[in-house]
C-alpha atoms as a PDB file:
ATOM      1  CA  UNK A   1      39.001  17.265 -25.285  1.00  0.00           C
ATOM      2  CA  UNK A   2      35.730  17.255 -23.382  1.00  0.00           C
ATOM      3  CA  UNK A   3      35.201  14.747 -20.619  1.00  0.00           C
ATOM      4  CA  UNK A   4      31.672  13.420 -20.468  1.00  0.00           C
ATOM      5  CA  UNK A   5      30.282  13.272 -16.954  1.00  0.00           C
ATOM      6  CA  UNK A   6      26.934  11.829 -16.074  1.00  0.00           C
ATOM      7  CA  UNK A   7      24.860  12.572 -13.005  1.00  0.00           C
ATOM      8  CA  UNK A   8      22.882   9.342 -13.441  1.00  0.00           C
ATOM      9  CA  UNK A   9      22.804   7.249 -10.290  1.00  0.00           C
ATOM     10  CA  UNK A  10      21.873   4.149 -12.305  1.00  0.00           C
ATOM     11  CA  UNK A  11      24.678   2.608 -14.393  1.00  0.00           C
ATOM     12  CA  UNK A  12      22.489   0.026 -16.117  1.00  0.00           C
ATOM     13  CA  UNK A  13      19.356  -2.013 -15.557  1.00  0.00           C
ATOM     14  CA  UNK A  14      17.852  -5.298 -16.696  1.00  0.00           C
ATOM     15  CA  UNK A  15      14.955  -7.611 -15.982  1.00  0.00           C
ATOM     16  CA  UNK A  16      15.668 -10.568 -13.681  1.00  0.00           C
ATOM     17  CA  UNK A  17      13.687 -13.516 -12.367  1.00  0.00           C
ATOM     18  CA  UNK A  18      13.263 -13.863  -8.614  1.00  0.00           C
ATOM     19  CA  UNK A  19      13.526 -17.303  -6.967  1.00  0.00           C
ATOM     20  CA  UNK A  20       9.704 -17.217  -6.708  1.00  0.00           C
ATOM     21  CA  UNK A  21       9.525 -17.068 -10.517  1.00  0.00           C
ATOM     22  CA  UNK A  22       8.257 -13.476 -10.496  1.00  0.00           C
ATOM     23  CA  UNK A  23       9.984 -10.939 -12.721  1.00  0.00           C
ATOM     24  CA  UNK A  24      11.755  -7.912 -11.266  1.00  0.00           C
ATOM     25  CA  UNK A  25      13.829  -5.015 -12.512  1.00  0.00           C
ATOM     26  CA  UNK A  26      17.420  -4.829 -11.253  1.00  0.00           C
ATOM     27  CA  UNK A  27      19.235  -1.483 -11.450  1.00  0.00           C
ATOM     28  CA  UNK A  28      22.962  -1.220 -10.786  1.00  0.00           C
ATOM     29  CA  UNK A  29      23.668   1.960  -8.823  1.00  0.00           C
ATOM     30  CA  UNK A  30      26.885   3.953  -9.107  1.00  0.00           C
ATOM     31  CA  UNK A  31      27.941   2.763  -5.624  1.00  0.00           C
ATOM     32  CA  UNK A  32      27.902  -0.840  -6.900  1.00  0.00           C
ATOM     33  CA  UNK A  33      24.732  -1.848  -5.079  1.00  0.00           C
ATOM     34  CA  UNK A  34      21.651  -3.170  -6.861  1.00  0.00           C
ATOM     35  CA  UNK A  35      18.156  -1.776  -6.428  1.00  0.00           C
ATOM     36  CA  UNK A  36      15.549  -4.411  -7.267  1.00  0.00           C
ATOM     37  CA  UNK A  37      11.961  -3.390  -7.997  1.00  0.00           C
ATOM     38  CA  UNK A  38       9.248  -6.003  -8.111  1.00  0.00           C
ATOM     39  CA  UNK A  39       5.478  -5.777  -8.271  1.00  0.00           C
ATOM     40  CA  UNK A  40       5.147  -5.638  -4.505  1.00  0.00           C
ATOM     41  CA  UNK A  41       8.530  -4.645  -3.092  1.00  0.00           C
ATOM     42  CA  UNK A  42      11.856  -2.850  -3.225  1.00  0.00           C
ATOM     43  CA  UNK A  43      15.130  -4.462  -2.197  1.00  0.00           C
ATOM     44  CA  UNK A  44      18.753  -3.386  -1.968  1.00  0.00           C
ATOM     45  CA  UNK A  45      21.486  -5.936  -2.668  1.00  0.00           C
ATOM     46  CA  UNK A  46      25.197  -5.543  -2.047  1.00  0.00           C
ATOM     47  CA  UNK A  47      25.890  -5.961  -5.768  1.00  0.00           C
ATOM     48  CA  UNK A  48      24.273  -6.915  -9.055  1.00  0.00           C
ATOM     49  CA  UNK A  49      23.497 -10.577  -9.618  1.00  0.00           C
ATOM     50  CA  UNK A  50      22.741 -11.446  -5.995  1.00  0.00           C
ATOM     51  CA  UNK A  51      18.965 -11.779  -6.509  1.00  0.00           C
ATOM     52  CA  UNK A  52      19.166 -15.515  -7.161  1.00  0.00           C
ATOM     53  CA  UNK A  53      21.564 -16.252  -4.283  1.00  0.00           C
ATOM     54  CA  UNK A  54      19.887 -19.158  -2.430  1.00  0.00           C
ATOM     55  CA  UNK A  55      21.446 -18.091   0.886  1.00  0.00           C
ATOM     56  CA  UNK A  56      20.392 -14.465   0.499  1.00  0.00           C
ATOM     57  CA  UNK A  57      23.882 -13.300   1.450  1.00  0.00           C
ATOM     58  CA  UNK A  58      23.690 -10.270  -0.827  1.00  0.00           C
ATOM     59  CA  UNK A  59      20.397  -8.913   0.478  1.00  0.00           C
ATOM     60  CA  UNK A  60      20.975  -5.721   2.453  1.00  0.00           C
ATOM     61  CA  UNK A  61      17.309  -4.888   3.113  1.00  0.00           C
ATOM     62  CA  UNK A  62      13.875  -5.019   1.572  1.00  0.00           C
ATOM     63  CA  UNK A  63      10.504  -3.374   2.027  1.00  0.00           C
ATOM     64  CA  UNK A  64       7.009  -4.278   0.874  1.00  0.00           C
ATOM     65  CA  UNK A  65       4.962  -1.941  -1.296  1.00  0.00           C
ATOM     66  CA  UNK A  66       1.366  -1.631  -0.032  1.00  0.00           C
ATOM     67  CA  UNK A  67      -1.031  -3.563  -2.282  1.00  0.00           C
ATOM     68  CA  UNK A  68      -2.867  -0.408  -3.389  1.00  0.00           C
ATOM     69  CA  UNK A  69       0.408   0.895  -4.881  1.00  0.00           C
ATOM     70  CA  UNK A  70       1.800  -2.299  -6.469  1.00  0.00           C
ATOM     71  CA  UNK A  71       3.873  -1.725  -9.597  1.00  0.00           C
ATOM     72  CA  UNK A  72       2.693  -2.872 -13.014  1.00  0.00           C
ATOM     73  CA  UNK A  73       4.742  -3.923 -16.020  1.00  0.00           C
ATOM     74  CA  UNK A  74       4.713  -1.681 -19.075  1.00  0.00           C
ATOM     75  CA  UNK A  75       6.646  -2.722 -22.173  1.00  0.00           C
ATOM     76  CA  UNK A  76       7.916  -5.682 -20.090  1.00  0.00           C
ATOM     77  CA  UNK A  77       9.669  -3.351 -17.620  1.00  0.00           C
ATOM     78  CA  UNK A  78       9.083  -1.404 -14.420  1.00  0.00           C
ATOM     79  CA  UNK A  79      11.720   1.282 -15.136  1.00  0.00           C
ATOM     80  CA  UNK A  80      10.610   3.434 -18.050  1.00  0.00           C
ATOM     81  CA  UNK A  81      13.186   6.244 -17.810  1.00  0.00           C
ATOM     82  CA  UNK A  82      15.936   7.515 -15.532  1.00  0.00           C
ATOM     83  CA  UNK A  83      18.246  10.464 -15.219  1.00  0.00           C
ATOM     84  CA  UNK A  84      20.216  11.704 -12.243  1.00  0.00           C
ATOM     85  CA  UNK A  85      18.266  10.442  -9.207  1.00  0.00           C
ATOM     86  CA  UNK A  86      14.886  10.398 -10.957  1.00  0.00           C
ATOM     87  CA  UNK A  87      13.426   7.034 -11.988  1.00  0.00           C
ATOM     88  CA  UNK A  88      10.142   7.061 -13.919  1.00  0.00           C
ATOM     89  CA  UNK A  89       8.237   3.829 -13.399  1.00  0.00           C
ATOM     90  CA  UNK A  90       5.346   2.233 -15.225  1.00  0.00           C
ATOM     91  CA  UNK A  91       1.920   3.483 -14.187  1.00  0.00           C
ATOM     92  CA  UNK A  92       3.285   6.981 -13.507  1.00  0.00           C
ATOM     93  CA  UNK A  93       4.975   6.115 -10.213  1.00  0.00           C
ATOM     94  CA  UNK A  94       8.376   7.620  -9.442  1.00  0.00           C
ATOM     95  CA  UNK A  95      11.430   6.626  -7.423  1.00  0.00           C
ATOM     96  CA  UNK A  96      13.827   9.278  -6.199  1.00  0.00           C
ATOM     97  CA  UNK A  97      17.314   8.016  -5.414  1.00  0.00           C
ATOM     98  CA  UNK A  98      19.464  10.066  -3.049  1.00  0.00           C
ATOM     99  CA  UNK A  99      22.798   9.249  -1.506  1.00  0.00           C
ATOM    100  CA  UNK A 100      21.089   7.688   1.524  1.00  0.00           C
ATOM    101  CA  UNK A 101      17.634   6.471   0.440  1.00  0.00           C
ATOM    102  CA  UNK A 102      15.272   5.453  -2.328  1.00  0.00           C
ATOM    103  CA  UNK A 103      11.758   6.876  -2.052  1.00  0.00           C
ATOM    104  CA  UNK A 104       8.714   5.656  -3.983  1.00  0.00           C
ATOM    105  CA  UNK A 105       5.989   8.169  -4.863  1.00  0.00           C
ATOM    106  CA  UNK A 106       2.636   7.727  -6.621  1.00  0.00           C
ATOM    107  CA  UNK A 107       3.375  10.461  -9.208  1.00  0.00           C
ATOM    108  CA  UNK A 108       5.901  12.992 -10.531  1.00  0.00           C
ATOM    109  CA  UNK A 109       4.002  15.808  -8.820  1.00  0.00           C
ATOM    110  CA  UNK A 110       4.194  14.081  -5.430  1.00  0.00           C
ATOM    111  CA  UNK A 111       7.902  13.382  -5.907  1.00  0.00           C
ATOM    112  CA  UNK A 112       8.544  17.012  -6.903  1.00  0.00           C
ATOM    113  CA  UNK A 113       6.817  18.217  -3.741  1.00  0.00           C
ATOM    114  CA  UNK A 114       8.287  15.391  -1.607  1.00  0.00           C
ATOM    115  CA  UNK A 115       4.822  14.471  -0.370  1.00  0.00           C
ATOM    116  CA  UNK A 116       2.718  11.323  -0.435  1.00  0.00           C
ATOM    117  CA  UNK A 117       5.724   9.013  -0.093  1.00  0.00           C
ATOM    118  CA  UNK A 118       4.642   5.372  -0.393  1.00  0.00           C
ATOM    119  CA  UNK A 119       7.781   3.707   0.986  1.00  0.00           C
ATOM    120  CA  UNK A 120      11.410   4.528   1.649  1.00  0.00           C
ATOM    121  CA  UNK A 121      14.349   2.143   1.725  1.00  0.00           C
ATOM    122  CA  UNK A 122      17.808   3.029   3.000  1.00  0.00           C
ATOM    123  CA  UNK A 123      20.915   2.481   0.904  1.00  0.00           C
ATOM    124  CA  UNK A 124      24.248   1.540   2.420  1.00  0.00           C
ATOM    125  CA  UNK A 125      25.188  -1.369   4.612  1.00  0.00           C
END
């Protein structure tokens, strides 16, 4: 019997609505945390489903994306593909997820060369 192992760092993902009414993409990571991508920011929550928490108890940290690099929806989603720690976003942007951080890059080529990083957000508590 073969045991199927996956190196994906994202268990599942879905669109959510932020308290502001804006849509965002919530990805559940294998460590149980949630990475939330919106048009103008990245946020890490302690677990999935905490985006709408009126007290913000689940928010670990967030960071703004500079206006020139704001994300755009494509097919009603920000995340277009993912495997291992690679996350292909709409508009050609890329997130790389490591054990400690999530980095946003303007393109696959920049991510591959680890240059031109737009923003970085730390994982963990």
